Amino acid sequence: MTRRSFLLALVLAVLVALPASAQTFTPQSPAGLSVTFTTEKAGGTRLLVFGEVRNTNNMPAQRIVLLAEGLDQDGRVVSRARGYVLGSVPPHGAAPFEVRLLASGSERRYRVQIESFEFQVSN
């Protein structure tokens, strides 16, 4: 084994052995996270979605990605945008967010879902 491949194998072994510091969950399992929001027209076809994510867990939630969608009268998605919660949401706390959406004009209602997040786990 050459010195280079030995060092590479050693680095990979150390990286694999490091403990994980976060847990990732899918949007179908928001596990104690909830979203509330309001919408506001910002001129033309721009729409601002303001809200907050609440965390009822004992661990901070971080790297939260939100999906905002505009739905037509039949419930079909006609506009979509992603947004982020800056920083983390403390345990039993809340954090604000803002998503900018380019509306199609046929929206009748909106929804905002948590697309992904991580819990910050202390070691």
C-alpha atoms as a PDB file:
ATOM      1  CA  MET A   1       0.000   0.000   0.000  1.00  0.00           C
ATOM      2  CA  THR A   2       1.410   3.372  -0.940  1.00  0.00           C
ATOM      3  CA  ARG A   3       1.720   6.144   1.568  1.00  0.00           C
ATOM      4  CA  ARG A   4      -0.935   8.230  -0.223  1.00  0.00           C
ATOM      5  CA  SER A   5      -3.546   5.449  -0.241  1.00  0.00           C
ATOM      6  CA  PHE A   6      -2.749   4.642   3.408  1.00  0.00           C
ATOM      7  CA  LEU A   7      -3.362   8.283   4.417  1.00  0.00           C
ATOM      8  CA  LEU A   8      -6.572   8.379   2.391  1.00  0.00           C
ATOM      9  CA  ALA A   9      -7.826   5.186   4.056  1.00  0.00           C
ATOM     10  CA  LEU A  10      -6.959   6.601   7.485  1.00  0.00           C
ATOM     11  CA  VAL A  11      -8.820   9.872   6.838  1.00  0.00           C
ATOM     12  CA  LEU A  12     -11.897   8.006   5.578  1.00  0.00           C
ATOM     13  CA  ALA A  13     -11.870   5.714   8.624  1.00  0.00           C
ATOM     14  CA  VAL A  14     -11.758   8.711  10.969  1.00  0.00           C
ATOM     15  CA  LEU A  15     -14.591  10.491   9.115  1.00  0.00           C
ATOM     16  CA  VAL A  16     -16.817   7.417   9.234  1.00  0.00           C
ATOM     17  CA  ALA A  17     -16.174   6.979  12.957  1.00  0.00           C
ATOM     18  CA  LEU A  18     -17.159  10.566  13.879  1.00  0.00           C
ATOM     19  CA  PRO A  19     -20.544  10.761  15.687  1.00  0.00           C
ATOM     20  CA  ALA A  20     -23.392  12.491  13.874  1.00  0.00           C
ATOM     21  CA  SER A  21     -24.400  15.844  15.339  1.00  0.00           C
ATOM     22  CA  ALA A  22     -27.814  16.190  13.684  1.00  0.00           C
ATOM     23  CA  GLN A  23     -30.871  14.207  12.718  1.00  0.00           C
ATOM     24  CA  THR A  24     -32.639  14.927   9.443  1.00  0.00           C
ATOM     25  CA  PHE A  25     -36.385  14.441   9.083  1.00  0.00           C
ATOM     26  CA  THR A  26     -38.667  14.417   6.064  1.00  0.00           C
ATOM     27  CA  PRO A  27     -41.531  16.897   5.634  1.00  0.00           C
ATOM     28  CA  GLN A  28     -44.088  14.144   6.347  1.00  0.00           C
ATOM     29  CA  SER A  29     -42.659  13.956   9.870  1.00  0.00           C
ATOM     30  CA  PRO A  30     -42.202  17.492  11.205  1.00  0.00           C
ATOM     31  CA  ALA A  31     -41.960  16.090  14.761  1.00  0.00           C
ATOM     32  CA  GLY A  32     -43.137  19.000  16.865  1.00  0.00           C
ATOM     33  CA  LEU A  33     -42.600  21.782  14.308  1.00  0.00           C
ATOM     34  CA  SER A  34     -45.532  23.852  13.059  1.00  0.00           C
ATOM     35  CA  VAL A  35     -45.906  26.711  10.583  1.00  0.00           C
ATOM     36  CA  THR A  36     -48.214  29.734  10.668  1.00  0.00           C
ATOM     37  CA  PHE A  37     -48.205  32.388   7.928  1.00  0.00           C
ATOM     38  CA  THR A  38     -49.913  35.293   6.214  1.00  0.00           C
ATOM     39  CA  THR A  39     -49.580  36.597   2.656  1.00  0.00           C
ATOM     40  CA  GLU A  40     -49.189  40.123   1.371  1.00  0.00           C
ATOM     41  CA  LYS A  41     -49.119  41.409  -2.216  1.00  0.00           C
ATOM     42  CA  ALA A  42     -45.905  43.257  -3.007  1.00  0.00           C
ATOM     43  CA  GLY A  43     -46.911  44.760  -6.339  1.00  0.00           C
ATOM     44  CA  GLY A  44     -47.408  43.162  -9.714  1.00  0.00           C
ATOM     45  CA  THR A  45     -47.153  39.405  -9.439  1.00  0.00           C
ATOM     46  CA  ARG A  46     -44.916  39.399  -6.371  1.00  0.00           C
ATOM     47  CA  LEU A  47     -46.269  37.988  -3.132  1.00  0.00           C
ATOM     48  CA  LEU A  48     -44.621  37.919   0.279  1.00  0.00           C
ATOM     49  CA  VAL A  49     -45.328  35.071   2.672  1.00  0.00           C
ATOM     50  CA  PHE A  50     -44.558  36.005   6.291  1.00  0.00           C
ATOM     51  CA  GLY A  51     -44.737  33.592   9.168  1.00  0.00           C
ATOM     52  CA  GLU A  52     -43.043  31.673  11.914  1.00  0.00           C
ATOM     53  CA  VAL A  53     -41.988  28.146  12.681  1.00  0.00           C
ATOM     54  CA  ARG A  54     -42.753  26.961  16.227  1.00  0.00           C
ATOM     55  CA  ASN A  55     -40.755  24.203  17.917  1.00  0.00           C
ATOM     56  CA  THR A  56     -42.350  22.221  20.780  1.00  0.00           C
ATOM     57  CA  ASN A  57     -39.333  19.922  21.175  1.00  0.00           C
ATOM     58  CA  ASN A  58     -36.560  19.953  23.773  1.00  0.00           C
ATOM     59  CA  MET A  59     -33.902  20.343  21.042  1.00  0.00           C
ATOM     60  CA  PRO A  60     -33.217  23.292  18.740  1.00  0.00           C
ATOM     61  CA  ALA A  61     -34.256  22.831  15.102  1.00  0.00           C
ATOM     62  CA  GLN A  62     -31.931  24.141  12.394  1.00  0.00           C
ATOM     63  CA  ARG A  63     -31.451  24.234   8.616  1.00  0.00           C
ATOM     64  CA  ILE A  64     -35.187  24.531   8.071  1.00  0.00           C
ATOM     65  CA  VAL A  65     -36.269  24.669   4.428  1.00  0.00           C
ATOM     66  CA  LEU A  66     -39.841  25.771   3.672  1.00  0.00           C
ATOM     67  CA  LEU A  67     -41.930  25.199   0.560  1.00  0.00           C
ATOM     68  CA  ALA A  68     -44.592  27.839  -0.195  1.00  0.00           C
ATOM     69  CA  GLU A  69     -47.160  26.998  -2.865  1.00  0.00           C
ATOM     70  CA  GLY A  70     -50.046  28.838  -4.468  1.00  0.00           C
ATOM     71  CA  LEU A  71     -53.063  26.662  -5.302  1.00  0.00           C
ATOM     72  CA  ASP A  72     -55.797  27.333  -7.862  1.00  0.00           C
ATOM     73  CA  GLN A  73     -59.522  26.722  -7.299  1.00  0.00           C
ATOM     74  CA  ASP A  74     -59.075  22.986  -7.995  1.00  0.00           C
ATOM     75  CA  GLY A  75     -56.194  22.633  -5.544  1.00  0.00           C
ATOM     76  CA  ARG A  76     -53.486  22.371  -8.222  1.00  0.00           C
ATOM     77  CA  VAL A  77     -50.110  23.992  -7.567  1.00  0.00           C
ATOM     78  CA  VAL A  78     -49.720  27.030  -9.844  1.00  0.00           C
ATOM     79  CA  SER A  79     -46.790  28.778  -8.130  1.00  0.00           C
ATOM     80  CA  ARG A  80     -43.979  27.620  -5.870  1.00  0.00           C
ATOM     81  CA  ALA A  81     -41.000  29.031  -3.968  1.00  0.00           C
ATOM     82  CA  ARG A  82     -38.576  27.849  -1.306  1.00  0.00           C
ATOM     83  CA  GLY A  83     -37.507  29.802   1.743  1.00  0.00           C
ATOM     84  CA  TYR A  84     -35.366  29.308   4.810  1.00  0.00           C
ATOM     85  CA  VAL A  85     -35.510  30.020   8.504  1.00  0.00           C
ATOM     86  CA  LEU A  86     -32.338  31.921   9.362  1.00  0.00           C
ATOM     87  CA  GLY A  87     -30.477  30.419  12.299  1.00  0.00           C
ATOM     88  CA  SER A  88     -32.188  27.895  14.510  1.00  0.00           C
ATOM     89  CA  VAL A  89     -35.532  27.621  16.278  1.00  0.00           C
ATOM     90  CA  PRO A  90     -34.925  27.244  20.021  1.00  0.00           C
ATOM     91  CA  PRO A  91     -36.613  24.556  22.108  1.00  0.00           C
ATOM     92  CA  HIS A  92     -40.203  25.594  22.909  1.00  0.00           C
ATOM     93  CA  GLY A  93     -39.661  28.740  20.842  1.00  0.00           C
ATOM     94  CA  ALA A  94     -40.308  30.231  17.425  1.00  0.00           C
ATOM     95  CA  ALA A  95     -38.418  31.891  14.588  1.00  0.00           C
ATOM     96  CA  PRO A  96     -39.724  34.096  11.756  1.00  0.00           C
ATOM     97  CA  PHE A  97     -39.398  33.540   8.012  1.00  0.00           C
ATOM     98  CA  GLU A  98     -40.176  35.326   4.766  1.00  0.00           C
ATOM     99  CA  VAL A  99     -40.652  33.695   1.365  1.00  0.00           C
ATOM    100  CA  ARG A 100     -40.949  35.669  -1.870  1.00  0.00           C
ATOM    101  CA  LEU A 101     -43.291  34.078  -4.384  1.00  0.00           C
ATOM    102  CA  LEU A 102     -43.898  34.980  -8.009  1.00  0.00           C
ATOM    103  CA  ALA A 103     -47.666  34.494  -8.326  1.00  0.00           C
ATOM    104  CA  SER A 104     -49.327  33.250 -11.506  1.00  0.00           C
ATOM    105  CA  GLY A 105     -52.521  35.206 -10.830  1.00  0.00           C
ATOM    106  CA  SER A 106     -54.804  32.165 -10.534  1.00  0.00           C
ATOM    107  CA  GLU A 107     -54.046  31.408  -6.879  1.00  0.00           C
ATOM    108  CA  ARG A 108     -57.057  31.040  -4.585  1.00  0.00           C
ATOM    109  CA  ARG A 109     -55.158  29.924  -1.493  1.00  0.00           C
ATOM    110  CA  TYR A 110     -51.641  29.219  -0.282  1.00  0.00           C
ATOM    111  CA  ARG A 111     -49.876  26.616   1.796  1.00  0.00           C
ATOM    112  CA  VAL A 112     -46.481  26.508   3.467  1.00  0.00           C
ATOM    113  CA  GLN A 113     -44.860  23.238   4.478  1.00  0.00           C
ATOM    114  CA  ILE A 114     -41.600  22.270   6.113  1.00  0.00           C
ATOM    115  CA  GLU A 115     -39.578  20.557   3.407  1.00  0.00           C
ATOM    116  CA  SER A 116     -36.585  19.553   5.555  1.00  0.00           C
ATOM    117  CA  PHE A 117     -34.877  20.298   8.865  1.00  0.00           C
ATOM    118  CA  GLU A 118     -32.437  18.958  11.407  1.00  0.00           C
ATOM    119  CA  PHE A 119     -32.516  18.743  15.164  1.00  0.00           C
ATOM    120  CA  GLN A 120     -29.324  19.946  16.811  1.00  0.00           C
ATOM    121  CA  VAL A 121     -28.240  17.085  19.036  1.00  0.00           C
ATOM    122  CA  SER A 122     -25.728  17.765  21.788  1.00  0.00           C
ATOM    123  CA  ASN A 123     -23.070  15.126  22.294  1.00  0.00           C
END
